[in-house]
């Protein structure tokens, strides 16, 4: 933080954020409840198989604009996991 340049606008603030580790599944299609539930279930199966400890609830990321064709959309379901266990993909 000490080596970063100071912002020249008072509305900009530098904040230290601790790192986190997530298990993530990427998928295409719409962000319907059914699609989210299906991929969340797949991610949970993976996490259980690897015996990771989950921290918190699922988070969702939708990267494509709504006018993108469903098969071209990029979405993710993310679950924070305990850092003590290493992910091997």
N, C-alpha and C. Protein backbone atom coordinates (compact mmCIF):
# COMPACT_ATOMS: atom_id res chain seq x y z
N UNK A 1 0.83 -1.19 0.00
CA UNK A 1 0.00 0.00 0.00
C UNK A 1 0.88 1.26 0.00
N UNK A 2 2.01 1.17 0.68
CA UNK A 2 2.88 2.36 0.79
C UNK A 2 3.48 2.74 -0.56
N UNK A 3 3.66 1.78 -1.44
CA UNK A 3 4.31 2.07 -2.73
C UNK A 3 3.32 2.53 -3.81
N UNK A 4 2.01 2.46 -3.51
CA UNK A 4 1.01 2.88 -4.50
C UNK A 4 0.93 4.40 -4.59
N UNK A 5 0.69 4.93 -5.78
CA UNK A 5 0.56 6.39 -5.90
C UNK A 5 -0.70 6.88 -5.19
N UNK A 6 -0.64 8.05 -4.63
CA UNK A 6 -1.79 8.63 -3.95
C UNK A 6 -2.78 9.14 -4.98
N UNK A 7 -4.07 8.84 -4.81
CA UNK A 7 -5.08 9.33 -5.75
C UNK A 7 -5.15 10.86 -5.71
N UNK A 8 -5.41 11.46 -6.86
CA UNK A 8 -5.51 12.92 -6.89
C UNK A 8 -6.98 13.38 -6.84
N UNK A 9 -7.86 12.48 -6.46
CA UNK A 9 -9.29 12.79 -6.29
C UNK A 9 -9.69 12.28 -4.91
N UNK A 10 -10.29 13.15 -4.06
CA UNK A 10 -10.63 12.73 -2.69
C UNK A 10 -11.72 11.67 -2.64
N UNK A 11 -12.45 11.45 -3.74
CA UNK A 11 -13.48 10.42 -3.75
C UNK A 11 -12.89 9.03 -3.98
N UNK A 12 -11.63 8.97 -4.35
CA UNK A 12 -10.95 7.69 -4.57
C UNK A 12 -10.18 7.33 -3.31
N UNK A 13 -10.44 6.13 -2.80
CA UNK A 13 -9.76 5.66 -1.59
C UNK A 13 -9.14 4.29 -1.86
N UNK A 14 -7.96 4.10 -1.36
CA UNK A 14 -7.29 2.81 -1.47
C UNK A 14 -7.60 2.02 -0.20
N UNK A 15 -8.05 0.77 -0.39
CA UNK A 15 -8.41 -0.08 0.74
C UNK A 15 -7.80 -1.45 0.55
N UNK A 16 -7.23 -1.97 1.62
CA UNK A 16 -6.66 -3.31 1.58
C UNK A 16 -7.79 -4.32 1.75
N UNK A 17 -7.85 -5.31 0.85
CA UNK A 17 -8.87 -6.36 0.90
C UNK A 17 -8.15 -7.69 1.03
N UNK A 18 -8.54 -8.46 2.03
CA UNK A 18 -7.91 -9.77 2.22
C UNK A 18 -8.33 -10.73 1.11
N UNK A 19 -7.44 -11.64 0.77
CA UNK A 19 -7.74 -12.60 -0.29
C UNK A 19 -8.72 -13.66 0.20
N UNK A 20 -9.45 -14.24 -0.73
CA UNK A 20 -10.40 -15.30 -0.45
C UNK A 20 -10.23 -16.37 -1.51
N UNK A 21 -10.70 -17.56 -1.21
CA UNK A 21 -10.63 -18.66 -2.17
C UNK A 21 -12.05 -19.14 -2.46
N UNK A 22 -12.36 -19.33 -3.74
CA UNK A 22 -13.69 -19.74 -4.16
C UNK A 22 -13.63 -20.97 -5.03
N UNK A 23 -14.65 -21.81 -4.92
CA UNK A 23 -14.90 -22.87 -5.89
C UNK A 23 -15.93 -22.26 -6.84
N UNK A 24 -15.71 -22.41 -8.15
CA UNK A 24 -16.55 -21.73 -9.14
C UNK A 24 -16.93 -22.69 -10.25
N UNK A 25 -18.18 -22.57 -10.71
CA UNK A 25 -18.60 -23.29 -11.91
C UNK A 25 -19.07 -22.26 -12.92
N UNK A 26 -18.57 -22.41 -14.14
CA UNK A 26 -18.93 -21.50 -15.24
C UNK A 26 -19.95 -22.21 -16.12
N UNK A 27 -20.94 -21.44 -16.59
CA UNK A 27 -21.94 -22.04 -17.47
C UNK A 27 -22.55 -20.99 -18.38
N UNK A 28 -23.18 -21.45 -19.46
CA UNK A 28 -23.85 -20.53 -20.39
C UNK A 28 -25.35 -20.67 -20.19
N UNK A 29 -26.10 -19.87 -20.90
CA UNK A 29 -27.55 -19.91 -20.79
C UNK A 29 -28.09 -18.73 -20.01
N UNK A 30 -29.37 -18.80 -19.70
CA UNK A 30 -30.00 -17.70 -18.97
C UNK A 30 -29.71 -17.85 -17.48
N UNK A 31 -30.01 -16.79 -16.74
CA UNK A 31 -29.82 -16.85 -15.29
C UNK A 31 -31.15 -17.14 -14.59
N UNK A 32 -31.88 -18.11 -15.14
CA UNK A 32 -33.15 -18.53 -14.54
C UNK A 32 -32.89 -19.25 -13.23
N UNK A 33 -33.89 -19.30 -12.38
CA UNK A 33 -33.76 -19.99 -11.10
C UNK A 33 -33.40 -21.46 -11.29
N UNK A 34 -33.99 -22.09 -12.31
CA UNK A 34 -33.71 -23.50 -12.58
C UNK A 34 -32.26 -23.71 -12.99
N UNK A 35 -31.75 -22.86 -13.88
CA UNK A 35 -30.37 -22.97 -14.35
C UNK A 35 -29.39 -22.72 -13.21
N UNK A 36 -29.66 -21.72 -12.39
CA UNK A 36 -28.79 -21.43 -11.24
C UNK A 36 -28.81 -22.61 -10.26
N UNK A 37 -30.00 -23.13 -9.97
CA UNK A 37 -30.12 -24.24 -9.02
C UNK A 37 -29.37 -25.47 -9.52
N UNK A 38 -29.46 -25.76 -10.81
CA UNK A 38 -28.78 -26.93 -11.39
C UNK A 38 -27.26 -26.80 -11.25
N UNK A 39 -26.72 -25.62 -11.57
CA UNK A 39 -25.27 -25.45 -11.51
C UNK A 39 -24.77 -25.31 -10.07
N UNK A 40 -25.60 -24.76 -9.22
CA UNK A 40 -25.25 -24.72 -7.80
C UNK A 40 -25.17 -26.15 -7.24
N UNK A 41 -26.08 -27.00 -7.66
CA UNK A 41 -26.09 -28.40 -7.24
C UNK A 41 -24.82 -29.12 -7.72
N UNK A 42 -24.42 -28.87 -8.97
CA UNK A 42 -23.21 -29.47 -9.51
C UNK A 42 -21.98 -29.01 -8.73
N UNK A 43 -21.94 -27.72 -8.42
CA UNK A 43 -20.81 -27.17 -7.67
C UNK A 43 -20.77 -27.77 -6.26
N UNK A 44 -21.93 -27.91 -5.62
CA UNK A 44 -21.99 -28.50 -4.29
C UNK A 44 -21.49 -29.95 -4.31
N UNK A 45 -21.82 -30.70 -5.35
CA UNK A 45 -21.35 -32.08 -5.47
C UNK A 45 -19.83 -32.12 -5.54
N UNK A 46 -19.25 -31.21 -6.31
CA UNK A 46 -17.80 -31.13 -6.44
C UNK A 46 -17.17 -30.79 -5.08
N UNK A 47 -17.73 -29.80 -4.41
CA UNK A 47 -17.21 -29.36 -3.11
C UNK A 47 -17.28 -30.49 -2.09
N UNK A 48 -18.39 -31.21 -2.07
CA UNK A 48 -18.55 -32.33 -1.14
C UNK A 48 -17.54 -33.44 -1.46
N UNK A 49 -17.35 -33.73 -2.73
CA UNK A 49 -16.40 -34.77 -3.13
C UNK A 49 -14.97 -34.42 -2.72
N UNK A 50 -14.64 -33.15 -2.76
CA UNK A 50 -13.30 -32.69 -2.37
C UNK A 50 -13.18 -32.39 -0.89
N UNK A 51 -14.31 -32.47 -0.17
CA UNK A 51 -14.37 -32.23 1.27
C UNK A 51 -13.92 -30.83 1.67
N UNK A 52 -14.33 -29.85 0.86
CA UNK A 52 -14.06 -28.45 1.20
C UNK A 52 -15.09 -27.97 2.20
N UNK A 53 -14.70 -27.03 3.04
CA UNK A 53 -15.63 -26.41 3.97
C UNK A 53 -16.13 -25.11 3.33
N UNK A 54 -17.44 -24.95 3.25
CA UNK A 54 -18.04 -23.77 2.64
C UNK A 54 -18.14 -22.65 3.66
N UNK A 55 -17.85 -21.44 3.22
CA UNK A 55 -17.99 -20.26 4.05
C UNK A 55 -19.01 -19.35 3.36
N UNK A 56 -20.15 -19.14 3.96
CA UNK A 56 -21.14 -18.24 3.38
C UNK A 56 -22.07 -18.90 2.39
N UNK A 57 -22.79 -18.07 1.66
CA UNK A 57 -23.79 -18.55 0.71
C UNK A 57 -23.32 -18.30 -0.72
N UNK A 58 -23.98 -18.93 -1.70
CA UNK A 58 -23.56 -18.78 -3.10
C UNK A 58 -23.61 -17.33 -3.57
N UNK A 59 -22.68 -17.02 -4.45
CA UNK A 59 -22.65 -15.72 -5.12
C UNK A 59 -22.74 -16.00 -6.61
N UNK A 60 -23.37 -15.09 -7.34
CA UNK A 60 -23.59 -15.29 -8.77
C UNK A 60 -22.97 -14.14 -9.55
N UNK A 61 -22.43 -14.48 -10.71
CA UNK A 61 -21.85 -13.47 -11.59
C UNK A 61 -22.42 -13.68 -12.99
N UNK A 62 -22.89 -12.59 -13.59
CA UNK A 62 -23.45 -12.62 -14.94
C UNK A 62 -22.68 -11.59 -15.76
N UNK A 63 -21.94 -12.05 -16.75
CA UNK A 63 -21.02 -11.18 -17.46
C UNK A 63 -21.55 -10.62 -18.77
N UNK A 64 -22.52 -11.24 -19.35
CA UNK A 64 -22.96 -10.84 -20.69
C UNK A 64 -24.19 -9.95 -20.62
N UNK A 65 -24.33 -9.05 -21.60
CA UNK A 65 -25.53 -8.20 -21.63
C UNK A 65 -26.78 -9.03 -21.94
N UNK A 66 -27.94 -8.56 -21.55
CA UNK A 66 -29.17 -9.33 -21.72
C UNK A 66 -29.52 -9.64 -23.18
N UNK A 67 -29.00 -8.87 -24.12
CA UNK A 67 -29.33 -9.12 -25.53
C UNK A 67 -28.44 -10.20 -26.15
N UNK A 68 -27.47 -10.74 -25.39
CA UNK A 68 -26.64 -11.84 -25.90
C UNK A 68 -27.50 -13.09 -26.05
N UNK A 69 -27.19 -13.88 -27.06
CA UNK A 69 -27.88 -15.15 -27.22
C UNK A 69 -27.55 -16.03 -26.02
N UNK A 70 -28.53 -16.77 -25.51
CA UNK A 70 -28.31 -17.55 -24.29
C UNK A 70 -27.09 -18.48 -24.34
N UNK A 71 -26.85 -19.15 -25.47
CA UNK A 71 -25.72 -20.07 -25.54
C UNK A 71 -24.37 -19.35 -25.53
N UNK A 72 -24.38 -18.02 -25.72
CA UNK A 72 -23.14 -17.24 -25.71
C UNK A 72 -22.93 -16.49 -24.38
N UNK A 73 -23.87 -16.58 -23.47
CA UNK A 73 -23.75 -15.87 -22.19
C UNK A 73 -22.78 -16.61 -21.27
N UNK A 74 -22.08 -15.83 -20.46
CA UNK A 74 -21.17 -16.42 -19.47
C UNK A 74 -21.68 -16.08 -18.08
N UNK A 75 -21.89 -17.10 -17.28
CA UNK A 75 -22.38 -16.96 -15.91
C UNK A 75 -21.51 -17.81 -15.00
N UNK A 76 -21.54 -17.49 -13.71
CA UNK A 76 -20.80 -18.28 -12.73
C UNK A 76 -21.58 -18.38 -11.42
N UNK A 77 -21.43 -19.51 -10.76
CA UNK A 77 -21.87 -19.67 -9.37
C UNK A 77 -20.58 -19.86 -8.58
N UNK A 78 -20.45 -19.10 -7.47
CA UNK A 78 -19.23 -19.13 -6.67
C UNK A 78 -19.57 -19.40 -5.21
N UNK A 79 -18.78 -20.23 -4.58
CA UNK A 79 -18.91 -20.47 -3.15
C UNK A 79 -17.53 -20.30 -2.51
N UNK A 80 -17.46 -19.46 -1.49
CA UNK A 80 -16.20 -19.28 -0.78
C UNK A 80 -15.91 -20.54 0.02
N UNK A 81 -14.66 -20.96 -0.02
CA UNK A 81 -14.26 -22.16 0.70
C UNK A 81 -13.11 -21.84 1.65
N UNK A 82 -12.92 -22.72 2.62
CA UNK A 82 -11.84 -22.58 3.59
C UNK A 82 -10.51 -22.73 2.87
N UNK A 83 -9.58 -21.83 3.13
CA UNK A 83 -8.27 -21.86 2.47
C UNK A 83 -7.40 -23.03 2.89
N UNK A 84 -7.73 -23.68 3.98
CA UNK A 84 -6.88 -24.74 4.51
C UNK A 84 -6.77 -25.93 3.56
N UNK A 85 -7.81 -26.17 2.77
CA UNK A 85 -7.80 -27.30 1.84
C UNK A 85 -7.43 -26.76 0.46
N UNK A 86 -6.54 -27.41 -0.24
CA UNK A 86 -6.09 -26.94 -1.55
C UNK A 86 -6.97 -27.51 -2.65
N UNK A 87 -7.29 -26.68 -3.64
CA UNK A 87 -8.09 -27.14 -4.77
C UNK A 87 -7.18 -27.73 -5.83
N UNK A 88 -7.48 -28.92 -6.25
CA UNK A 88 -6.75 -29.55 -7.35
C UNK A 88 -7.74 -29.77 -8.47
N UNK A 89 -7.57 -29.08 -9.56
CA UNK A 89 -8.50 -29.21 -10.69
C UNK A 89 -7.94 -30.13 -11.74
